[in-house]
Structures are given as structure tokens and as C-alpha cells.
Amino acid sequence: MKRSLGLPLILSAVLAACTGGSGSLGTVPPAETAQPSVGLGSPDITPQPSQPYASASPSAEPSASPQGTTIVRAYFFLAGPTGSAGVVPVLREIPATTGVAKAAMTALLAGPNSREAAATPAISTTVPAGTQLLGLTITNGVATVDLSREFESGGGSASVLGRLAQVVYTLTQFPSVKSVLFEVEGREVHAFGGEGAVLDGPVGRSDYASVLPNIFVDRPAWGAALGNPGRVTGNADVFEATFRITLLDGNGKQLVDQQAMATCGTGCRGTFDVTIHYDVSKAQYGTLRVWDGSAKDGSPQDVREYPVWLTPAS
């Protein structure tokens, strides 16, 4: 039976760590100074990934026009109780490059920035420190990633599955990448030590559903702009495929509380794509919360929440 959870408000901790200037639109997302990163509230302009079982076609590495900067995603872990903890996307702004997949991997290996690590709940990584990207090629929809030996060092089975998932999700953000083949120091990896992580060949997102929260929001990313109206997309495994989406403003006032439905539920993971409308007088940080009501008494469970940038409707 699923465990009931409270609904902790995280916004005050986030706001304390994310103070920017103010203007006619309210608080402005601050610029990141510690390392290349997208400030909270930046729009998520990354392309939607392909379906997990879409047919692969020959493709070189996905590329972007080398003008200015490009936004990519890196996937880390958001802390929380069982059912709520798991993979979470964040945005990174990178210098102009045509090799965006390599840049995304570099951002992943750099780990969470100080703002993310200090958030409540915190964002962390299971990729071992010191892991280096030695090579990356993409052919016929398969990304072959070569990592240094640090990648297979330390950690138990959960850590191993987590680091594999982080790489897979980061690389399959690009529509031309359907699956990932792992190499360490130039050799193809079929198993990671004695931790039971067997790799029979290329693996995709569906191979790592176990490291997702029960309700996984893929868009908007953690700290990204929601838009107004805003789209909330992802996948979920919840009772009778239904759950709720709640949106709070910067003062914790409830703006939205609506039911959402995945394409499959109760033992299977279905996708969802929900549009929400809300009303705020000025741009501000808010909280996006997704949760499932207990089948026993309706109390909130599988609660996942994080900051999003809210704007008045255009």
C-alpha cells in the first residue's frame, strides 16, 4: 500500500536562494555565475524527444546553429520519499556549438549547480565524480557513449541504475537518439561489476522506468518557465491513471488544482499532456505540484513539486 505524505511547501527555501532584481514584471530570474547554466525561469525550448519505440533513422549528432547560446537538458535526481524521488530535468545554457549532444553530456558530468544542490528537496547526481566523456557517436538512432573508468566505480545497484538512467535520459532528449550503447575506456560494457546491471545492447528510456517517480514531469524542467497557458507533460503509473496538478503562486496561494489523466495506469506507465491556465498579476516564482490521492482516504501521496516561473497571460 502506498504511504501517505504531507504537502511541504518548498518555495520559501527556493526564493531565499534565488533573489534577483525587480522590475515591472516582478522578480527577474538571476544570472548564473558559478558555472554555465540557465537561470531559473528560462523557457524550455529544447525539442520533444521521440517516442521510446519510434523507428530509428540514420543520423549524425544533433546540431544547433553556432550563434550565441543553446539550451540543453541534463537529468539529475530530485530527493523525496519513495514514489516521489527520482529523475528530474534541469536546463543548461551552453556556448554556441554544433555538437549539442556532447555539450549536454558535459553538462551532466559537471553535476548540479549550487542553487540546485541547496534547494529543498535537493537535486543530486549518481554519476561518480571525475567521470570524463571520452567519445560520443550517433549512428542509426543509437548513441555510443565512451566514458572513463570512474563511471563504473563505487555505489550499489541503485546508484548504478541511476547513473545509467541519467546518461540515457540526457542523450535521448534529442529526437534523433532512440537508445544508448555504453562503453568504458573504449570497451563495450555488458555488466557493471557485481551490481546486477546487465546491458545486452543499446538501452532506452523505457529500460529505466524504475528510477522515475510515480508521476514524472518532463516539461517544464525544474526552475523553467511554465508559460501561460502552460503545458505539463510526462508519464505516470498511478491508480486508475488519474492524478492531480496543483499550482501555487509565490505566496503559496493555490492558483490551479485540476485532475489529470495518463494514457495508462495501475501497474503500467502512461503518458500525459495537460494544459493549465492561471492568473497572476506579475511574473514570479511559483510551485508546480503533482500528486496522487490515496485510494484509501484520498490523502496526498507520490507528491513531487518544484519551482517554476509564472507569467501573466498574454
Protein backbone atom coordinates (compact mmCIF):
# COMPACT_ATOMS: atom_id res chain seq x y z
CA MET A 1 0.00 0.00 0.00
CA LYS A 2 1.32 3.45 -0.86
CA ARG A 3 2.36 5.68 2.02
CA SER A 4 0.54 8.98 2.55
CA LEU A 5 2.65 12.10 2.53
CA GLY A 6 2.30 15.69 3.62
CA LEU A 7 2.44 18.63 1.26
CA PRO A 8 5.60 20.53 2.27
CA LEU A 9 5.97 24.00 0.82
CA ILE A 10 9.41 24.36 -0.70
CA LEU A 11 9.07 27.79 -2.21
CA SER A 12 10.48 29.83 0.68
CA ALA A 13 13.76 27.92 0.56
CA VAL A 14 13.99 28.29 -3.18
CA LEU A 15 13.27 32.01 -3.07
CA ALA A 16 15.86 32.55 -0.39
CA ALA A 17 18.49 31.07 -2.67
CA CYS A 18 17.24 32.76 -5.84
CA THR A 19 16.99 36.50 -5.32
CA GLY A 20 17.24 38.63 -8.45
CA GLY A 21 16.41 42.17 -9.46
CA SER A 22 12.90 43.51 -9.73
CA GLY A 23 11.03 45.48 -12.37
CA SER A 24 7.64 45.84 -13.94
CA LEU A 25 7.34 42.08 -14.23
CA GLY A 26 8.42 41.41 -10.65
CA THR A 27 11.45 39.34 -9.69
CA VAL A 28 13.76 38.69 -12.61
CA PRO A 29 15.48 35.29 -12.83
CA PRO A 30 19.11 35.82 -11.77
CA ALA A 31 22.07 35.01 -13.99
CA GLU A 32 24.19 32.01 -13.01
CA THR A 33 27.76 32.96 -12.14
CA ALA A 34 29.29 29.81 -10.69
CA GLN A 35 29.14 27.80 -13.90
CA PRO A 36 27.41 27.92 -17.28
CA SER A 37 23.73 27.45 -16.51
CA VAL A 38 20.30 28.67 -17.39
CA GLY A 39 18.83 30.93 -14.74
CA LEU A 40 15.54 29.94 -13.14
CA GLY A 41 12.64 30.99 -15.29
CA SER A 42 14.25 30.48 -18.68
CA PRO A 43 11.91 28.99 -21.28
CA ASP A 44 12.37 25.34 -22.17
CA ILE A 45 12.97 25.48 -25.91
CA THR A 46 14.52 22.03 -26.17
CA PRO A 47 12.80 19.70 -28.65
CA GLN A 48 10.47 16.95 -27.52
CA PRO A 49 12.18 13.52 -27.52
CA SER A 50 10.98 10.80 -29.85
CA GLN A 51 8.72 8.03 -28.62
CA PRO A 52 10.65 5.22 -26.87
CA TYR A 53 9.92 2.72 -29.64
CA ALA A 54 9.99 5.05 -32.64
CA SER A 55 11.82 3.67 -35.65
CA ALA A 56 15.41 4.83 -35.89
CA SER A 57 16.80 6.53 -38.95
CA PRO A 58 20.41 7.28 -39.90
CA SER A 59 21.55 10.48 -38.23
CA ALA A 60 24.66 12.36 -37.32
CA GLU A 61 24.88 14.08 -33.94
CA PRO A 62 22.00 16.50 -33.42
CA SER A 63 23.23 20.02 -34.01
CA ALA A 64 22.30 23.61 -33.45
CA SER A 65 23.32 26.72 -35.34
CA PRO A 66 26.50 28.05 -33.69
CA GLN A 67 25.15 31.52 -32.96
CA GLY A 68 25.03 32.82 -29.40
CA THR A 69 23.98 30.12 -26.97
CA THR A 70 21.92 26.94 -26.95
CA ILE A 71 19.74 25.43 -24.23
CA VAL A 72 20.08 21.72 -23.45
CA ARG A 73 18.83 19.46 -20.69
CA ALA A 74 20.68 17.42 -18.09
CA TYR A 75 18.93 14.85 -15.94
CA PHE A 76 19.71 14.52 -12.24
CA PHE A 77 17.85 13.20 -9.17
CA LEU A 78 15.32 15.06 -7.04
CA ALA A 79 15.16 13.83 -3.44
CA GLY A 80 11.96 12.73 -1.77
CA PRO A 81 10.12 9.75 -0.26
CA THR A 82 9.56 6.51 -2.17
CA GLY A 83 7.24 7.24 -5.08
CA SER A 84 8.31 10.88 -5.26
CA ALA A 85 12.09 10.72 -5.61
CA GLY A 86 13.70 10.15 -8.99
CA VAL A 87 14.97 11.60 -12.23
CA VAL A 88 14.41 15.31 -12.84
CA PRO A 89 15.37 17.52 -15.82
CA VAL A 90 17.19 20.83 -15.47
CA LEU A 91 18.20 23.31 -18.16
CA ARG A 92 21.69 24.41 -19.10
CA GLU A 93 22.71 27.26 -21.37
CA ILE A 94 25.82 26.35 -23.31
CA PRO A 95 28.06 28.30 -25.68
CA ALA A 96 27.17 28.08 -29.33
CA THR A 97 28.11 24.66 -30.72
CA THR A 98 27.05 22.20 -33.39
CA GLY A 99 27.69 19.26 -31.03
CA VAL A 100 24.79 19.68 -28.63
CA ALA A 101 24.73 16.03 -27.52
CA LYS A 102 28.35 16.24 -26.37
CA ALA A 103 27.60 19.54 -24.68
CA ALA A 104 24.63 18.02 -22.86
CA MET A 105 26.82 15.16 -21.64
CA THR A 106 29.44 17.64 -20.45
CA ALA A 107 26.75 19.48 -18.52
CA LEU A 108 25.57 16.21 -16.98
CA LEU A 109 29.06 15.22 -15.86
CA ALA A 110 29.55 18.66 -14.28
CA GLY A 111 26.73 17.84 -11.86
CA PRO A 112 24.08 20.03 -10.25
CA ASN A 113 24.93 23.69 -9.67
CA SER A 114 24.98 25.26 -6.22
CA ARG A 115 21.40 26.52 -6.46
CA GLU A 116 20.04 23.06 -7.29
CA ALA A 117 22.11 21.31 -4.64
CA ALA A 118 20.89 23.76 -1.96
CA ALA A 119 17.21 23.52 -2.93
CA THR A 120 14.61 21.72 -0.81
CA PRO A 121 14.26 18.93 -1.80
CA ALA A 122 17.81 18.82 -3.11
CA ILE A 123 18.99 17.83 -6.56
CA SER A 124 21.93 15.41 -6.76
CA THR A 125 23.71 13.10 -9.17
CA THR A 126 24.63 9.42 -9.06
CA VAL A 127 27.38 9.81 -11.67
CA PRO A 128 30.72 9.32 -9.89
CA ALA A 129 32.93 12.40 -9.54
CA GLY A 130 35.76 12.55 -12.05
CA THR A 131 33.88 10.74 -14.84
CA GLN A 132 35.01 12.05 -18.22
CA LEU A 133 33.46 11.87 -21.65
CA LEU A 134 35.96 10.12 -23.93
CA GLY A 135 33.82 9.87 -27.06
CA LEU A 136 30.31 10.09 -28.46
CA THR A 137 28.99 8.95 -31.83
CA ILE A 138 25.42 8.64 -33.10
CA THR A 139 24.51 6.20 -35.85
CA ASN A 140 21.09 4.93 -36.86
CA GLY A 141 19.49 6.38 -33.75
CA VAL A 142 21.98 4.75 -31.35
CA ALA A 143 24.30 6.97 -29.32
CA THR A 144 27.52 5.19 -28.38
CA VAL A 145 28.99 6.95 -25.36
CA ASP A 146 32.51 6.21 -24.14
CA LEU A 147 33.16 7.17 -20.52
CA SER A 148 36.22 6.98 -18.31
CA ARG A 149 36.65 4.16 -15.79
CA GLU A 150 35.36 6.34 -12.95
CA PHE A 151 31.85 5.86 -14.33
CA GLU A 152 31.70 2.22 -13.21
CA SER A 153 33.29 2.78 -9.81
CA GLY A 154 31.53 2.58 -6.44
CA GLY A 155 27.91 2.59 -5.41
CA GLY A 156 25.28 -0.10 -5.06
CA SER A 157 22.68 -1.27 -7.54
CA ALA A 158 20.51 1.82 -7.10
CA SER A 159 23.46 4.10 -7.83
CA VAL A 160 24.44 2.11 -10.92
CA LEU A 161 20.92 2.15 -12.32
CA GLY A 162 20.69 5.83 -11.52
CA ARG A 163 23.83 6.83 -13.40
CA LEU A 164 22.86 4.74 -16.42
CA ALA A 165 19.43 6.39 -16.42
CA GLN A 166 20.90 9.88 -16.18
CA VAL A 167 23.01 9.31 -19.27
CA VAL A 168 20.17 7.66 -21.20
CA TYR A 169 17.68 10.41 -20.43
CA THR A 170 20.19 13.15 -21.20
CA LEU A 171 21.10 11.72 -24.60
CA THR A 172 17.59 10.68 -25.62
CA GLN A 173 16.34 14.25 -25.18
CA PHE A 174 17.31 14.63 -28.84
CA PRO A 175 14.75 13.25 -31.32
CA SER A 176 17.49 11.57 -33.36
CA VAL A 177 18.64 9.44 -30.40
CA LYS A 178 16.47 6.44 -29.56
CA SER A 179 18.84 4.40 -27.40
CA VAL A 180 22.32 4.41 -25.86
CA LEU A 181 25.21 1.94 -26.03
CA PHE A 182 27.73 2.23 -23.17
CA GLU A 183 31.49 1.93 -23.41
CA VAL A 184 34.11 2.40 -20.69
CA GLU A 185 37.63 3.25 -21.81
CA GLY A 186 36.77 2.12 -25.34
CA ARG A 187 35.27 -1.29 -24.48
CA GLU A 188 31.58 -2.10 -24.70
CA VAL A 189 30.07 -2.70 -21.27
CA HIS A 190 27.77 -5.69 -20.77
CA ALA A 191 27.53 -5.59 -16.96
CA PHE A 192 28.56 -3.22 -14.21
CA GLY A 193 30.57 -5.14 -11.64
CA GLY A 194 28.60 -7.29 -9.24
CA GLU A 195 25.67 -4.89 -9.02
CA GLY A 196 23.44 -6.80 -11.40
CA ALA A 197 23.12 -4.10 -14.05
CA VAL A 198 23.19 -6.17 -17.24
CA LEU A 199 23.41 -4.41 -20.60
CA ASP A 200 22.61 -6.69 -23.54
CA GLY A 201 22.92 -3.86 -26.04
CA PRO A 202 21.55 -0.37 -26.55
CA VAL A 203 19.10 0.76 -23.86
CA GLY A 204 16.37 3.42 -23.90
CA ARG A 205 14.18 5.38 -21.52
CA SER A 206 11.71 2.57 -21.02
CA ASP A 207 14.51 0.42 -19.55
CA TYR A 208 14.80 2.76 -16.57
CA ALA A 209 11.21 3.34 -15.50
CA SER A 210 12.17 2.06 -12.05
CA VAL A 211 14.18 5.21 -11.31
CA LEU A 212 11.30 7.55 -12.14
CA PRO A 213 8.89 8.97 -9.57
CA ASN A 214 5.36 7.61 -9.87
CA ILE A 215 4.40 10.90 -11.52
CA PHE A 216 7.25 12.11 -13.72
CA VAL A 217 7.03 15.65 -15.09
CA ASP A 218 9.42 16.04 -18.01
CA ARG A 219 8.20 19.50 -19.03
CA PRO A 220 8.55 22.08 -17.65
CA ALA A 221 12.03 21.35 -16.34
CA TRP A 222 12.92 22.21 -12.75
CA GLY A 223 13.00 26.02 -12.48
CA ALA A 224 11.96 26.65 -16.09
CA ALA A 225 9.20 28.97 -17.25
CA LEU A 226 5.79 27.31 -17.33
CA GLY A 227 4.16 29.65 -19.83
CA ASN A 228 0.56 30.86 -19.60
CA PRO A 229 -1.27 28.81 -20.62
CA GLY A 230 1.30 26.21 -19.69
CA ARG A 231 1.81 22.61 -20.75
CA VAL A 232 2.70 19.93 -18.23
CA THR A 233 3.87 16.70 -19.86
CA GLY A 234 5.41 13.45 -18.70
CA ASN A 235 4.35 9.96 -17.68
CA ALA A 236 2.82 8.31 -14.65
CA ASP A 237 1.95 5.00 -13.03
CA VAL A 238 -0.93 5.80 -10.69
CA PHE A 239 -4.21 4.23 -9.58
CA GLU A 240 -6.78 4.32 -12.38
CA ALA A 241 -4.41 6.59 -14.35
CA THR A 242 -5.64 9.75 -12.59
CA PHE A 243 -3.72 12.28 -10.51
CA ARG A 244 -3.84 15.99 -9.72
CA ILE A 245 -1.85 19.04 -10.79
CA THR A 246 -1.68 21.93 -8.34
CA LEU A 247 -0.07 25.31 -8.99
CA LEU A 248 0.84 27.76 -6.23
CA ASP A 249 1.94 31.38 -6.59
CA GLY A 250 4.89 32.97 -4.82
CA ASN A 251 2.90 33.41 -1.62
CA GLY A 252 1.69 29.82 -1.55
CA LYS A 253 -1.79 30.72 -2.79
CA GLN A 254 -3.42 27.99 -4.84
CA LEU A 255 -3.92 29.05 -8.46
CA VAL A 256 -4.84 25.71 -10.05
CA ASP A 257 -5.97 22.32 -8.80
CA GLN A 258 -7.18 20.09 -11.59
CA GLN A 259 -7.43 16.41 -12.35
CA ALA A 260 -5.14 14.93 -14.99
CA MET A 261 -5.16 11.52 -16.63
CA ALA A 262 -2.39 9.40 -18.10
CA THR A 263 -2.94 7.06 -21.03
CA CYS A 264 -2.42 4.05 -18.75
CA GLY A 265 -2.39 3.40 -15.03
CA THR A 266 -2.44 0.91 -12.15
CA GLY A 267 0.65 -1.12 -12.97
CA CYS A 268 1.55 0.48 -16.29
CA ARG A 269 3.14 3.80 -17.14
CA GLY A 270 1.12 6.08 -19.39
CA THR A 271 1.90 9.50 -20.82
CA PHE A 272 0.08 12.76 -20.13
CA ASP A 273 -0.03 16.19 -21.75
CA VAL A 274 -2.10 18.74 -19.82
CA THR A 275 -2.65 22.45 -20.47
CA ILE A 276 -3.27 24.66 -17.45
CA HIS A 277 -4.44 28.28 -17.27
CA TYR A 278 -3.70 30.50 -14.30
CA ASP A 279 -3.90 34.14 -13.25
CA VAL A 280 -1.02 36.15 -11.76
CA SER A 281 -0.60 39.94 -11.76
CA LYS A 282 3.15 39.86 -12.25
CA ALA A 283 5.89 37.39 -13.11
CA GLN A 284 7.10 35.39 -10.12
CA TYR A 285 8.38 32.06 -8.91
CA GLY A 286 5.66 29.58 -8.09
CA THR A 287 5.43 25.89 -7.25
CA LEU A 288 4.26 23.14 -9.58
CA ARG A 289 2.96 20.19 -7.59
CA VAL A 290 1.77 16.83 -8.93
CA TRP A 291 0.27 14.24 -6.61
CA ASP A 292 -1.97 11.23 -6.35
CA GLY A 293 -4.85 10.78 -3.92
CA SER A 294 -4.68 7.67 -1.76
CA ALA A 295 -7.20 5.00 -2.79
CA LYS A 296 -7.89 4.50 0.92
CA ASP A 297 -8.75 8.01 2.08
CA GLY A 298 -7.79 10.45 -0.69
CA SER A 299 -4.81 11.84 1.23
CA PRO A 300 -1.91 13.12 -0.94
CA GLN A 301 0.82 10.67 -1.90
CA ASP A 302 3.54 10.48 -4.55
CA VAL A 303 3.91 14.25 -4.14
CA ARG A 304 6.50 15.89 -6.38
CA GLU A 305 6.95 19.63 -6.52
CA TYR A 306 9.49 22.15 -7.70
CA PRO A 307 9.81 25.83 -8.66
CA VAL A 308 8.54 27.18 -11.98
CA TRP A 309 8.47 30.73 -13.36
CA LEU A 310 4.95 32.10 -13.72
CA THR A 311 3.92 34.95 -16.02
CA PRO A 312 0.70 36.86 -16.64
CA ALA A 313 -1.41 35.59 -19.53
CA SER A 314 -0.56 37.30 -22.80
